[in-house]
Protein backbone atom coordinates (compact mmCIF):
# COMPACT_ATOMS: atom_id res chain seq x y z
CA MET A 1 55.95 -27.43 59.08
CA GLN A 2 56.32 -29.12 55.87
CA LEU A 3 55.95 -32.84 57.36
CA LEU A 4 53.09 -31.82 58.86
CA ARG A 5 51.29 -30.10 55.64
CA GLU A 6 52.02 -33.22 53.83
CA ALA A 7 50.74 -35.59 56.64
CA ARG A 8 47.83 -33.68 56.60
CA ARG A 9 47.59 -33.79 52.97
CA ASP A 10 47.64 -37.51 53.13
CA ALA A 11 44.87 -37.80 55.89
CA ARG A 12 42.33 -35.72 53.84
CA ARG A 13 42.99 -37.66 50.64
CA GLN A 14 42.90 -41.13 52.61
CA VAL A 15 39.71 -41.51 54.29
CA VAL A 16 39.13 -44.93 55.08
CA PRO A 17 42.03 -45.29 57.49
CA THR A 18 41.72 -41.97 58.97
CA LEU A 19 38.27 -42.53 59.88
CA LEU A 20 39.02 -45.74 61.18
CA LEU A 21 41.99 -44.41 63.17
CA PHE A 22 39.51 -41.57 64.46
CA ILE A 23 36.67 -44.23 65.56
CA VAL A 24 38.89 -46.36 67.19
CA SER A 25 40.91 -43.56 69.02
CA LEU A 26 37.37 -41.56 70.11
CA GLY A 27 35.87 -45.25 71.21
CA ALA A 28 38.68 -46.01 73.52
CA THR A 29 39.49 -42.33 74.96
CA LEU A 30 35.31 -42.17 75.65
CA GLY A 31 34.94 -45.86 77.12
CA ALA A 32 38.16 -45.21 79.16
CA LEU A 33 36.46 -41.86 80.50
CA LEU A 34 33.10 -42.70 81.07
CA THR A 35 34.39 -46.07 83.45
CA ALA A 36 37.48 -45.59 84.98
CA GLY A 37 36.89 -41.64 84.98
CA GLN A 38 33.71 -42.52 86.85
CA GLN A 39 35.36 -44.08 89.63
CA VAL A 40 37.98 -41.04 89.85
CA ALA A 41 35.36 -38.85 90.00
CA GLN A 42 33.70 -40.49 92.89
CA ARG A 43 36.85 -40.98 94.97
CA GLU A 44 37.83 -37.40 94.66
CA ALA A 45 34.01 -36.65 95.71
CA LEU A 46 34.62 -38.91 98.87
CA ALA A 47 38.10 -37.03 99.15
CA GLY A 48 36.01 -33.85 99.12
CA GLU A 49 33.70 -34.88 101.66
CA LEU A 50 36.57 -35.57 104.26
CA ASN A 51 37.15 -31.79 104.43
CA ASP A 52 33.40 -31.26 105.75
CA PRO A 53 33.61 -30.93 109.54
CA SER A 54 31.08 -33.90 110.18
CA ALA A 55 33.34 -36.02 108.87
CA ARG A 56 35.64 -35.54 111.83
CA VAL A 57 32.81 -36.31 114.04
CA LEU A 58 32.87 -39.90 115.96
CA THR A 59 29.68 -40.71 117.98
CA VAL A 60 29.83 -43.22 120.56
CA ARG A 61 27.13 -44.91 122.32
CA GLU A 62 26.28 -47.05 124.62
CA ALA A 63 22.88 -48.94 125.43
CA THR A 64 22.72 -49.52 129.18
CA GLY A 65 24.48 -46.03 130.11
CA LYS A 66 26.91 -47.61 132.41
CA LEU A 67 29.90 -47.35 130.64
CA LEU A 68 29.97 -43.45 129.43
CA ASN A 69 29.59 -40.58 132.19
CA ALA A 70 31.53 -37.42 133.22
CA GLN A 71 34.86 -38.73 134.00
CA VAL A 72 35.12 -40.13 130.01
CA VAL A 73 34.14 -36.58 128.89
CA GLN A 74 36.81 -34.92 131.33
CA LEU A 75 39.69 -37.36 130.36
CA LEU A 76 38.55 -36.75 126.40
CA ARG A 77 38.81 -32.68 126.89
CA THR A 78 42.57 -33.44 127.37
CA THR A 79 42.82 -36.17 124.94
CA ARG A 80 45.31 -35.36 121.76
CA GLY A 81 43.54 -34.55 118.55
CA VAL A 82 40.29 -33.66 120.22
CA GLU A 83 38.74 -30.44 119.20
CA SER A 84 35.85 -30.48 121.14
CA VAL A 85 33.49 -33.29 123.07
CA ILE A 86 29.96 -33.48 124.52
CA GLY A 87 28.24 -35.79 126.39
CA VAL A 88 24.51 -36.19 125.24
CA GLY A 89 22.08 -37.70 127.92
CA GLU A 90 18.42 -38.39 127.92
CA VAL A 91 16.52 -37.26 124.35
CA LEU A 92 13.24 -36.16 124.90
CA GLU A 93 9.97 -35.21 123.17
CA VAL A 94 8.58 -31.96 123.87
CA ASP A 95 5.87 -29.36 122.60
CA ALA A 96 4.53 -25.65 123.07
CA ALA A 97 2.03 -23.30 122.10
CA VAL A 98 0.83 -25.28 118.74
CA PRO A 99 -1.02 -28.48 119.66
CA GLY A 100 0.63 -31.44 118.35
CA ALA A 101 3.45 -29.48 117.44
CA LYS A 102 6.62 -31.44 118.98
CA THR A 103 10.30 -31.16 118.54
CA THR A 104 13.42 -33.07 120.21
CA ALA A 105 15.12 -31.52 122.88
CA TRP A 106 18.78 -32.76 123.94
CA GLN A 107 20.14 -32.70 127.38
CA VAL A 108 24.10 -32.11 126.88
CA THR A 109 26.96 -31.09 129.15
CA ASP A 110 27.74 -28.21 127.16
CA LEU A 111 25.50 -26.11 124.55
CA SER A 112 28.26 -24.15 123.41
CA VAL A 113 29.48 -26.92 121.55
CA PRO A 114 26.61 -27.91 119.29
CA PHE A 115 24.97 -24.26 118.79
CA VAL A 116 26.31 -20.77 118.34
CA LEU A 117 23.97 -18.33 119.93
CA SER A 118 22.27 -15.58 117.75
CA HIS A 119 19.43 -14.09 120.56
CA GLY A 120 19.40 -14.16 124.15
CA ARG A 121 21.30 -15.29 127.05
CA PRO A 122 23.40 -18.30 127.63
CA PRO A 123 21.06 -20.73 129.13
CA ALA A 124 22.03 -21.94 132.88
CA ASP A 125 21.93 -25.71 133.76
CA GLY A 126 18.06 -26.81 133.19
CA GLU A 127 17.67 -24.29 130.35
CA ALA A 128 17.46 -24.50 126.39
CA ALA A 129 18.42 -23.21 123.17
CA ILE A 130 16.57 -23.74 120.28
CA ASP A 131 17.65 -23.78 116.64
CA GLU A 132 15.51 -20.76 114.92
CA GLU A 133 14.57 -22.88 112.24
CA VAL A 134 12.10 -24.50 114.33
CA LEU A 135 10.57 -21.51 115.92
CA ARG A 136 7.57 -21.08 113.29
CA LYS A 137 7.02 -25.18 114.14
CA LEU A 138 6.06 -24.25 117.92
CA GLY A 139 4.14 -21.37 116.76
CA TRP A 140 7.08 -18.71 118.40
CA GLU A 141 8.08 -15.16 117.14
CA VAL A 142 11.26 -15.49 119.22
CA PRO A 143 13.08 -17.87 121.28
CA SER A 144 11.73 -17.46 124.23
CA GLY A 145 9.22 -19.94 126.29
CA VAL A 146 8.48 -23.10 127.76
CA VAL A 147 8.17 -26.16 126.44
CA LEU A 148 6.80 -29.46 128.35
CA THR A 149 7.63 -33.10 128.24
CA SER A 150 5.06 -35.65 127.95
CA ALA A 151 5.76 -35.85 132.02
CA GLY A 152 5.15 -32.47 132.51
CA ARG A 153 8.62 -31.53 132.96
CA GLU A 154 9.23 -27.86 131.94
CA PHE A 155 12.22 -26.61 129.90
CA PRO A 156 12.73 -22.32 130.02
CA VAL A 157 14.09 -21.45 126.45
CA VAL A 158 16.26 -18.60 126.82
CA ALA A 159 17.74 -18.26 123.60
CA GLY A 160 17.98 -18.98 119.94
CA ALA A 161 20.81 -20.24 117.96
CA THR A 162 22.54 -21.81 114.71
CA VAL A 163 23.92 -25.24 114.10
CA ARG A 164 27.46 -25.47 114.62
CA PRO A 165 29.37 -27.01 111.25
CA GLY A 166 29.36 -31.29 111.85
CA TYR A 167 26.81 -31.31 114.43
CA GLU A 168 23.98 -31.43 111.97
CA VAL A 169 22.33 -33.96 114.42
CA PHE A 170 21.28 -30.93 116.33
CA ALA A 171 19.58 -29.32 113.84
CA GLU A 172 15.60 -28.25 114.17
CA SER A 173 15.47 -29.20 117.97
CA MET A 174 16.83 -27.63 121.02
CA VAL A 175 19.61 -28.50 123.70
CA VAL A 176 19.32 -28.66 127.09
CA GLN A 177 22.19 -27.09 129.23
CA ASN A 178 23.20 -30.25 131.89
CA SER A 179 26.65 -29.60 133.20
CA GLU A 180 26.19 -31.89 136.02
CA LEU A 181 25.28 -34.79 133.33
CA GLN A 182 26.66 -37.98 135.09
CA THR A 183 25.86 -40.99 132.97
CA MET A 184 25.23 -40.61 129.07
CA ARG A 185 23.61 -42.30 126.47
CA SER A 186 26.11 -41.22 123.87
CA ILE A 187 29.61 -38.86 123.58
CA VAL A 188 30.11 -36.88 120.24
CA VAL A 189 33.90 -36.12 119.72
CA MET A 190 35.02 -33.75 117.07
CA ALA A 191 38.40 -34.50 116.11
CA ASP A 192 40.87 -31.68 114.89
CA ALA A 193 41.94 -33.79 112.01
CA ILE A 194 40.29 -36.86 110.49
CA ASP A 195 43.78 -38.98 111.06
CA ALA A 196 42.97 -38.15 114.91
CA VAL A 197 39.77 -40.18 114.92
CA PRO A 198 40.97 -43.88 115.07
CA SER A 199 43.67 -42.75 118.64
CA ILE A 200 40.48 -41.30 119.59
CA GLN A 201 38.20 -43.97 119.24
CA ALA A 202 40.87 -46.09 121.10
CA ALA A 203 41.02 -43.90 123.83
CA ILE A 204 37.50 -43.84 124.40
CA ARG A 205 37.55 -47.95 124.93
CA THR A 206 40.06 -47.32 127.29
CA TYR A 207 38.49 -44.41 129.28
CA ALA A 208 35.16 -46.02 129.30
CA ALA A 209 37.12 -49.62 130.41
CA GLU A 210 35.29 -51.39 127.76
CA GLU A 211 35.11 -55.15 128.81
CA SER A 212 34.34 -56.93 125.74
CA PRO A 213 34.14 -56.20 122.27
CA GLY A 214 30.06 -54.66 120.93
CA GLN A 215 29.64 -52.75 124.58
CA LEU A 216 30.41 -49.41 123.01
CA THR A 217 29.04 -48.36 118.95
CA PHE A 218 30.95 -46.00 117.31
CA GLU A 219 29.61 -43.85 114.11
CA SER A 220 32.23 -42.14 111.77
CA SER A 221 31.08 -41.16 108.48
CA GLY A 222 34.86 -39.99 107.95
CA LEU A 223 36.37 -43.47 108.92
CA ALA A 224 33.93 -45.13 106.31
CA ILE A 225 35.03 -42.36 103.62
CA VAL A 226 38.83 -42.90 104.33
CA ASP A 227 38.35 -46.85 104.06
CA ARG A 228 36.47 -46.55 100.71
CA VAL A 229 39.00 -43.66 99.30
CA THR A 230 42.11 -45.84 100.36
CA SER A 231 40.35 -49.37 99.15
CA GLY A 232 42.88 -51.33 97.49
CA ASP A 233 39.80 -52.59 95.22
CA PHE A 234 38.95 -49.11 94.26
CA ALA A 235 42.35 -48.37 92.69
CA SER A 236 42.76 -51.49 91.40
CA TYR A 237 39.66 -51.84 89.38
CA THR A 238 40.25 -48.49 87.74
CA LYS A 239 43.72 -49.50 86.44
CA SER A 240 42.11 -52.74 84.93
CA VAL A 241 39.82 -50.58 83.19
CA LEU A 242 42.05 -48.28 81.69
CA LEU A 243 44.54 -51.04 80.98
CA THR A 244 41.84 -52.96 79.41
CA VAL A 245 40.41 -49.87 77.36
CA ILE A 246 43.78 -48.39 76.50
CA GLY A 247 45.45 -51.47 75.24
CA LEU A 248 42.43 -52.73 73.31
CA GLY A 249 42.38 -49.20 71.60
CA SER A 250 46.44 -49.59 71.00
CA VAL A 251 46.02 -53.11 69.62
CA LEU A 252 43.22 -51.61 66.70
CA THR A 253 45.52 -49.15 66.47
CA THR A 254 48.22 -51.93 65.01
CA VAL A 255 45.79 -53.44 63.11
CA VAL A 256 44.29 -50.25 61.18
CA SER A 257 47.93 -49.20 60.43
CA LEU A 258 49.01 -52.18 59.33
CA ALA A 259 46.11 -52.44 56.89
CA TYR A 260 47.04 -48.61 55.85
CA VAL A 261 50.90 -49.39 55.24
CA LEU A 262 49.51 -52.79 53.17
CA LEU A 263 47.12 -50.75 51.35
CA TYR A 264 49.19 -48.11 50.44
CA ARG A 265 52.61 -49.64 50.03
CA ARG A 266 52.67 -48.66 46.60
CA LEU A 267 53.19 -45.20 47.75
CA LEU A 268 55.52 -45.41 50.34
CA GLY A 269 57.58 -47.25 47.62
CA ARG A 270 57.27 -44.91 45.54
CA ARG A 271 58.26 -42.26 47.78
CA ARG A 272 61.37 -44.38 49.19
CA ALA A 273 62.64 -44.47 45.28
CA LEU A 274 62.37 -40.86 44.93
CA GLY A 275 65.02 -40.40 47.61
CA ILE A 276 63.58 -39.60 51.22
CA THR A 277 64.77 -41.23 54.05
CA ARG A 278 63.58 -44.05 55.73
CA ILE A 279 63.75 -42.08 58.87
CA ASP A 280 61.57 -38.97 57.07
CA LEU A 281 59.32 -41.51 55.60
CA THR A 282 59.05 -42.92 59.25
CA ALA A 283 58.31 -39.39 60.55
CA LEU A 284 55.86 -38.38 58.30
CA THR A 285 53.63 -41.80 58.35
CA LEU A 286 53.51 -41.47 62.13
CA VAL A 287 52.20 -38.07 61.95
CA ARG A 288 49.70 -39.00 59.24
CA VAL A 289 48.60 -41.51 61.74
CA THR A 290 48.81 -39.87 65.14
CA LEU A 291 46.59 -36.71 63.62
CA PRO A 292 43.22 -38.63 63.77
CA ILE A 293 44.25 -40.44 66.71
CA ALA A 294 44.81 -37.07 68.56
CA LEU A 295 41.63 -35.62 67.32
CA GLY A 296 39.70 -38.43 68.12
CA ALA A 297 41.10 -38.39 71.71
CA ALA A 298 40.58 -34.59 72.02
CA LEU A 299 36.82 -35.04 70.84
CA ALA A 300 36.08 -38.00 73.43
CA GLY A 301 37.45 -35.79 75.91
CA LEU A 302 35.29 -32.95 75.56
CA ALA A 303 32.14 -35.62 75.17
CA ALA A 304 33.02 -37.43 78.27
CA ASP A 305 33.27 -33.93 80.15
CA VAL A 306 29.65 -33.13 78.88
CA VAL A 307 28.23 -36.17 79.29
CA ALA A 308 29.28 -36.69 82.93
CA ARG A 309 28.37 -32.83 83.71
CA VAL A 310 24.95 -33.69 82.70
CA TRP A 311 24.13 -37.09 83.46
CA LEU A 312 26.93 -38.62 85.61
CA SER A 313 29.66 -37.01 88.29
CA PRO A 314 31.78 -34.62 86.60
CA ILE A 315 35.19 -36.00 85.89
CA PRO A 316 38.54 -34.10 87.16
CA PRO A 317 40.21 -32.18 84.20
CA GLN A 318 43.24 -33.12 84.57
CA PHE A 319 42.14 -37.36 84.53
CA THR A 320 40.44 -36.50 81.04
CA VAL A 321 43.78 -34.68 79.76
CA ALA A 322 45.66 -37.60 81.04
CA VAL A 323 44.00 -40.44 79.79
CA ALA A 324 43.60 -38.48 76.09
CA LEU A 325 47.41 -38.34 76.50
CA VAL A 326 47.99 -41.53 77.23
CA MET A 327 45.64 -42.95 74.55
CA VAL A 328 47.47 -40.90 72.06
CA LEU A 329 51.12 -41.74 73.07
CA THR A 330 50.16 -45.59 73.29
CA SER A 331 48.33 -45.63 70.08
CA SER A 332 51.22 -44.00 68.41
CA LEU A 333 53.77 -46.18 69.63
CA THR A 334 52.27 -49.10 68.28
CA ALA A 335 51.60 -48.08 65.41
CA LEU A 336 55.38 -47.47 65.02
CA ILE A 337 55.77 -51.41 64.78
CA PRO A 338 53.90 -51.71 61.29
CA ILE A 339 54.96 -48.20 59.73
CA ALA A 340 58.99 -49.34 60.55
CA TRP A 341 58.02 -52.73 58.92
CA ALA A 342 56.73 -51.08 55.83
CA VAL A 343 59.58 -48.14 55.25
CA ASN A 344 62.33 -50.90 55.56
CA ARG A 345 61.28 -52.91 52.67
CA ASP A 346 62.79 -52.75 49.58
CA PRO A 347 61.13 -49.86 47.24
CA VAL A 348 61.90 -51.60 44.13
CA ALA A 349 60.58 -54.85 45.28
CA ILE A 350 57.18 -53.00 46.24
CA LEU A 351 56.69 -51.25 42.76
CA ARG A 352 57.06 -54.38 41.36
CA THR A 353 54.53 -56.23 42.96
CA ALA A 354 52.11 -53.64 43.87
């Protein structure tokens, strides 16, 4: 405690080096958090998106309708890692009571996969359920009626529903039950885990007997997120920024510490002449240098957190604490070099020449 009180007293008296050390620590920590910290925040946000059911959805399309069929859907139902699967046929534009009010009708092999019924009865083949969000758009008060295609084809609507998480593509539309659908424009698969998506994709290529690359088109937001999160460039950029900023801060701290021990060499020599040991003097000087560094790093952490939350992406608290601690430790260790040199000089020679 005596050592800490003495170090605080010296820091208050010696304003210029204290202020310089504080500014260097504040600037370096703030710079590291607002650059590398944003990369980490973005990576955590992407990782959070992987927990969304939509990240586990894989959509495969085929323009001709020759490769995707009922057999592929049936095989996928028994494939390891598949939570649910539906075949999607023709997508039609339909209208109802309000002139000009149109919505989309999807023909699928199993309506219960994308929709959760909230009103009415389960649709039979040729019947539809409607997302209740579009009832007003069609001029309906209840999910019951008939919609027409431009060719005059009718679809009875017998149920209202809400969209299951992950199947938002079917939102604000209606879905027509067609369990006898043989050829499909697309197949929508939900995996039970994001890790299963690549193997399911490979299985679809095999089941559909894809003869040449490009016949099947795959869409998966989850795979794109995984590629970004695991990208080596992502991690290497963050590391390089951290090393550069913290390294620069440590170098500047060393320079300021050297200037301090040169400027106050007479004070250090007097203390040595009065009997303080080299170890005690080193500890006193190191604590005196570390105090403004720690204060600067702490204030930088608070400032970066506020700035990031208001204008940027929130930085993970554990990353903020880690960067501040690394800044304090590296700066203190590099400051130890000029301090050790200063306390090992001959105090008598210092007092004579100072």
